[in-house]
């Protein structure tokens, strides 16, 4: 017998500790570990992207895992199917939970990636990168057929990823509502480009606040520079937690 869903008021509030992924876009492992140790137990998830993985490779993932952290390996793989398949198989033996491939690599590449991930001893969940949050749509004529807008591009790539066995996508918070109308949980949506009211946008063009992203259906949000560049990252995380609590408490009271 299926257990009925809990009413909205009974569901736990989103958790900054469990749903914010801190992006360790730093030049070396020493710097990364210094940031991780500064944040202590305030954060569970970290992103190891191209910069850190190029500098420290497997050791970066292992060092985080030794500290009890969960790892989002953001390599954005994009190549012919066989190359992507072999690249994923070569990651055997390091403990990561999420891995990215470019959804624009096409169905054969995505299917090969999904099969390779499933064959690992501890299979990660694959996420298809849709449209980078550094793009705002003005670039579409040079990159894509300009007759289709940015949101429809994101939706099309997300559909392709789901049909190819990919378990989630990376998309900006601005596409959350459209994605969630079509792709229900447990399909994952991870949103970069999240910023607080006082945070600089840097090169992120399609952004929302953390509470808005979580309320819109994001499973995880990725935040980097606003936390790493702060003199007190724990205070930044505490301010995020307070903002999330205020937003969802108000939302419940308004029902």
Protein backbone atom coordinates (compact mmCIF):
# COMPACT_ATOMS: atom_id res chain seq x y z
CA UNK A 1 0.00 0.00 0.00
CA UNK A 2 1.39 3.41 -0.98
CA UNK A 3 1.91 5.75 1.94
CA UNK A 4 0.25 9.13 1.36
CA UNK A 5 2.55 12.11 0.89
CA UNK A 6 3.09 14.26 3.94
CA UNK A 7 1.22 17.58 3.87
CA UNK A 8 3.42 20.57 2.98
CA UNK A 9 3.44 21.82 6.59
CA UNK A 10 4.85 18.48 7.80
CA UNK A 11 7.73 18.30 5.33
CA UNK A 12 11.16 19.24 6.63
CA UNK A 13 12.61 22.57 5.63
CA UNK A 14 15.35 22.53 3.01
CA UNK A 15 18.79 22.29 4.57
CA UNK A 16 21.70 24.52 3.57
CA UNK A 17 24.15 21.99 5.02
CA UNK A 18 22.73 19.17 2.91
CA UNK A 19 21.68 20.98 -0.26
CA UNK A 20 24.29 23.67 -0.85
CA UNK A 21 27.27 22.40 -2.82
CA UNK A 22 30.31 24.62 -2.34
CA UNK A 23 32.30 24.95 -5.55
CA UNK A 24 36.00 24.48 -4.88
CA UNK A 25 37.13 26.34 -7.99
CA UNK A 26 40.62 26.92 -6.64
CA UNK A 27 44.12 26.39 -8.08
CA UNK A 28 45.47 23.67 -5.79
CA UNK A 29 44.55 21.08 -3.18
CA UNK A 30 46.14 22.99 -0.30
CA UNK A 31 43.85 25.95 -0.91
CA UNK A 32 40.84 23.66 -1.27
CA UNK A 33 41.49 21.89 2.03
CA UNK A 34 41.99 25.19 3.80
CA UNK A 35 38.52 26.28 2.68
CA UNK A 36 36.97 22.94 3.65
CA UNK A 37 38.51 23.04 7.12
CA UNK A 38 37.33 26.62 7.63
CA UNK A 39 33.74 25.53 7.01
CA UNK A 40 33.91 22.39 9.13
CA UNK A 41 30.53 20.70 9.58
CA UNK A 42 28.59 23.61 8.06
CA UNK A 43 28.75 21.99 4.61
CA UNK A 44 28.42 18.37 3.50
CA UNK A 45 28.80 18.72 -0.29
CA UNK A 46 31.68 20.08 -2.37
CA UNK A 47 32.16 20.46 -6.10
CA UNK A 48 35.47 19.41 -7.62
CA UNK A 49 35.57 20.96 -11.07
CA UNK A 50 37.99 21.12 -13.95
CA UNK A 51 40.43 23.50 -12.28
CA UNK A 52 40.95 21.53 -9.09
CA UNK A 53 40.76 18.12 -10.79
CA UNK A 54 43.37 19.24 -13.34
CA UNK A 55 45.64 20.35 -10.50
CA UNK A 56 45.17 17.50 -8.02
CA UNK A 57 43.18 14.74 -9.73
CA UNK A 58 42.05 11.79 -7.66
CA UNK A 59 43.82 13.09 -4.58
CA UNK A 60 41.39 16.00 -4.38
CA UNK A 61 38.40 13.66 -4.24
CA UNK A 62 40.07 11.32 -1.75
CA UNK A 63 41.09 14.19 0.56
CA UNK A 64 37.49 15.41 0.73
CA UNK A 65 36.10 11.93 1.25
CA UNK A 66 38.51 11.38 4.14
CA UNK A 67 36.87 14.39 5.82
CA UNK A 68 33.43 12.82 5.43
CA UNK A 69 32.35 15.04 2.54
CA UNK A 70 30.29 14.13 -0.49
CA UNK A 71 31.67 15.03 -3.88
CA UNK A 72 30.11 16.44 -7.01
CA UNK A 73 32.69 15.77 -9.74
CA UNK A 74 31.95 18.46 -12.30
CA UNK A 75 34.03 17.40 -15.31
CA UNK A 76 31.43 18.25 -17.98
CA UNK A 77 32.52 15.37 -20.19
CA UNK A 78 31.82 15.92 -23.88
CA UNK A 79 33.42 13.75 -26.56
CA UNK A 80 32.65 10.80 -28.80
CA UNK A 81 30.74 8.03 -26.96
CA UNK A 82 33.68 5.65 -26.57
CA UNK A 83 35.96 8.32 -25.14
CA UNK A 84 33.37 9.46 -22.59
CA UNK A 85 32.62 5.85 -21.64
CA UNK A 86 36.32 5.11 -21.04
CA UNK A 87 36.83 8.34 -19.14
CA UNK A 88 34.06 7.38 -16.72
CA UNK A 89 35.39 3.85 -16.33
CA UNK A 90 38.81 5.34 -15.52
CA UNK A 91 37.26 7.05 -12.49
CA UNK A 92 36.74 3.69 -10.76
CA UNK A 93 38.02 3.66 -7.21
CA UNK A 94 37.38 7.26 -6.19
CA UNK A 95 34.31 8.10 -4.10
CA UNK A 96 32.09 10.66 -5.81
CA UNK A 97 28.31 10.88 -5.90
CA UNK A 98 27.50 13.16 -8.85
CA UNK A 99 29.20 13.52 -12.24
CA UNK A 100 28.47 15.83 -15.16
CA UNK A 101 28.38 15.22 -18.90
CA UNK A 102 27.25 17.70 -21.55
CA UNK A 103 23.71 16.89 -22.67
CA UNK A 104 24.55 18.36 -26.06
CA UNK A 105 26.85 15.38 -26.66
CA UNK A 106 23.84 13.55 -28.07
CA UNK A 107 21.90 10.37 -27.26
CA UNK A 108 24.66 7.87 -28.07
CA UNK A 109 27.18 9.67 -25.88
CA UNK A 110 24.68 10.06 -23.05
CA UNK A 111 23.62 6.41 -23.20
CA UNK A 112 27.26 5.27 -23.20
CA UNK A 113 27.96 7.51 -20.22
CA UNK A 114 24.96 6.17 -18.30
CA UNK A 115 25.99 2.56 -18.95
CA UNK A 116 29.56 3.25 -17.86
CA UNK A 117 28.41 4.94 -14.65
CA UNK A 118 26.13 2.03 -13.79
CA UNK A 119 29.06 -0.39 -14.16
CA UNK A 120 31.17 1.31 -11.48
CA UNK A 121 31.30 -0.40 -8.09
CA UNK A 122 29.68 2.64 -6.50
CA UNK A 123 27.62 4.15 -9.35
CA UNK A 124 27.39 7.95 -9.30
CA UNK A 125 24.32 9.81 -10.49
CA UNK A 126 24.94 11.45 -13.84
CA UNK A 127 23.81 15.01 -14.55
CA UNK A 128 23.45 16.45 -18.03
CA UNK A 129 24.69 20.01 -18.42
CA UNK A 130 22.06 21.96 -20.37
CA UNK A 131 22.96 25.63 -20.96
CA UNK A 132 25.78 27.17 -18.95
CA UNK A 133 24.67 29.91 -16.55
CA UNK A 134 27.27 32.22 -18.06
CA UNK A 135 25.01 32.37 -21.16
CA UNK A 136 21.93 34.59 -21.26
CA UNK A 137 20.50 33.69 -24.66
CA UNK A 138 22.07 36.46 -26.71
CA UNK A 139 24.67 33.91 -27.84
CA UNK A 140 22.10 31.51 -29.31
CA UNK A 141 22.41 32.61 -32.97
CA UNK A 142 26.10 31.67 -32.92
CA UNK A 143 25.58 28.41 -31.01
CA UNK A 144 22.14 27.07 -31.93
CA UNK A 145 19.18 27.53 -34.24
CA UNK A 146 17.98 30.98 -33.18
CA UNK A 147 14.31 30.13 -33.82
CA UNK A 148 14.19 28.34 -30.47
CA UNK A 149 14.63 30.29 -27.24
CA UNK A 150 16.94 29.50 -24.36
CA UNK A 151 14.33 27.88 -22.11
CA UNK A 152 13.22 25.53 -24.87
CA UNK A 153 16.86 24.61 -25.51
CA UNK A 154 17.22 23.69 -21.84
CA UNK A 155 14.01 21.65 -21.89
CA UNK A 156 15.01 19.84 -25.05
CA UNK A 157 18.40 18.89 -23.65
CA UNK A 158 16.83 17.81 -20.35
CA UNK A 159 14.33 15.57 -22.18
CA UNK A 160 17.15 14.04 -24.19
CA UNK A 161 19.17 13.40 -21.03
CA UNK A 162 16.25 11.71 -19.29
CA UNK A 163 15.48 9.55 -22.34
CA UNK A 164 19.14 8.48 -22.48
CA UNK A 165 19.29 7.23 -18.88
CA UNK A 166 20.82 10.34 -17.30
CA UNK A 167 19.41 10.93 -13.81
CA UNK A 168 19.36 14.70 -13.66
CA UNK A 169 20.46 17.98 -15.17
CA UNK A 170 22.39 21.13 -14.46
CA UNK A 171 20.26 24.16 -15.26
CA UNK A 172 19.89 27.73 -14.12
CA UNK A 173 17.22 28.51 -11.51
CA UNK A 174 15.28 30.43 -14.15
CA UNK A 175 14.33 27.16 -15.87
CA UNK A 176 13.29 25.33 -12.70
CA UNK A 177 9.54 25.79 -13.06
CA UNK A 178 9.50 24.58 -16.67
CA UNK A 179 11.75 21.62 -15.88
CA UNK A 180 9.73 20.52 -12.86
CA UNK A 181 6.49 20.58 -14.83
CA UNK A 182 7.92 17.83 -17.04
CA UNK A 183 10.58 16.06 -15.00
CA UNK A 184 9.42 15.09 -11.54
CA UNK A 185 11.51 13.73 -8.67
CA UNK A 186 13.57 11.59 -8.38
CA UNK A 187 14.98 13.29 -11.49
CA UNK A 188 17.61 15.64 -10.06
CA UNK A 189 17.99 19.32 -10.81
CA UNK A 190 21.18 21.00 -9.67
CA UNK A 191 21.33 24.76 -10.09
CA UNK A 192 24.47 26.88 -10.24
CA UNK A 193 24.25 30.65 -10.47
CA UNK A 194 22.53 31.05 -7.09
CA UNK A 195 23.29 34.35 -5.38
CA UNK A 196 22.24 36.15 -2.19
CA UNK A 197 21.01 39.77 -2.23
CA UNK A 198 24.47 41.10 -1.32
CA UNK A 199 26.47 38.68 -3.50
CA UNK A 200 28.25 39.77 -6.67
CA UNK A 201 26.96 38.01 -9.79
CA UNK A 202 30.45 37.62 -11.32
CA UNK A 203 30.03 35.86 -14.70
CA UNK A 204 26.67 34.31 -13.78
CA UNK A 205 23.87 35.81 -15.88
CA UNK A 206 20.81 33.67 -15.04
CA UNK A 207 20.47 33.80 -11.28
CA UNK A 208 17.96 33.64 -8.42
CA UNK A 209 18.27 33.65 -4.65
CA UNK A 210 18.91 30.44 -2.72
CA UNK A 211 15.40 30.28 -1.18
CA UNK A 212 13.81 30.89 -4.60
CA UNK A 213 15.86 28.10 -6.18
CA UNK A 214 14.99 25.59 -3.46
CA UNK A 215 11.33 26.60 -3.52
CA UNK A 216 11.34 26.19 -7.29
CA UNK A 217 12.33 22.55 -7.10
CA UNK A 218 16.14 22.48 -7.07
CA UNK A 219 17.54 19.44 -5.28
CA UNK A 220 20.95 21.05 -4.84
CA UNK A 221 22.37 24.50 -5.47
CA UNK A 222 26.00 25.28 -6.25
CA UNK A 223 27.62 28.35 -4.71
CA UNK A 224 31.31 29.19 -4.90
CA UNK A 225 32.81 32.64 -4.79
CA UNK A 226 30.32 34.33 -2.41
CA UNK A 227 31.33 31.73 0.20
CA UNK A 228 34.99 31.17 -0.61
CA UNK A 229 35.82 34.86 -0.91
CA UNK A 230 34.20 35.73 2.42
CA UNK A 231 36.35 36.34 5.49
CA UNK A 232 33.73 34.39 7.46
CA UNK A 233 32.23 31.63 5.29
CA UNK A 234 30.32 30.12 8.21
CA UNK A 235 28.53 33.45 8.68
CA UNK A 236 27.58 33.46 4.99
CA UNK A 237 26.20 29.94 5.29
CA UNK A 238 24.31 30.91 8.46
CA UNK A 239 22.77 33.86 6.59
CA UNK A 240 21.69 31.49 3.82
CA UNK A 241 20.12 29.16 6.38
CA UNK A 242 18.24 32.06 7.97
CA UNK A 243 16.99 33.25 4.57
CA UNK A 244 15.76 29.75 3.68
CA UNK A 245 14.02 29.40 7.05
CA UNK A 246 12.29 32.80 6.68
CA UNK A 247 11.18 32.06 3.13
CA UNK A 248 9.68 28.65 3.84
CA UNK A 249 8.15 29.67 7.17
CA UNK A 250 6.42 32.57 5.45
CA UNK A 251 5.31 30.30 2.62
CA UNK A 252 3.72 27.87 5.08
CA UNK A 253 2.02 30.62 7.04
CA UNK A 254 0.52 32.01 3.84
CA UNK A 255 -1.18 28.72 2.94
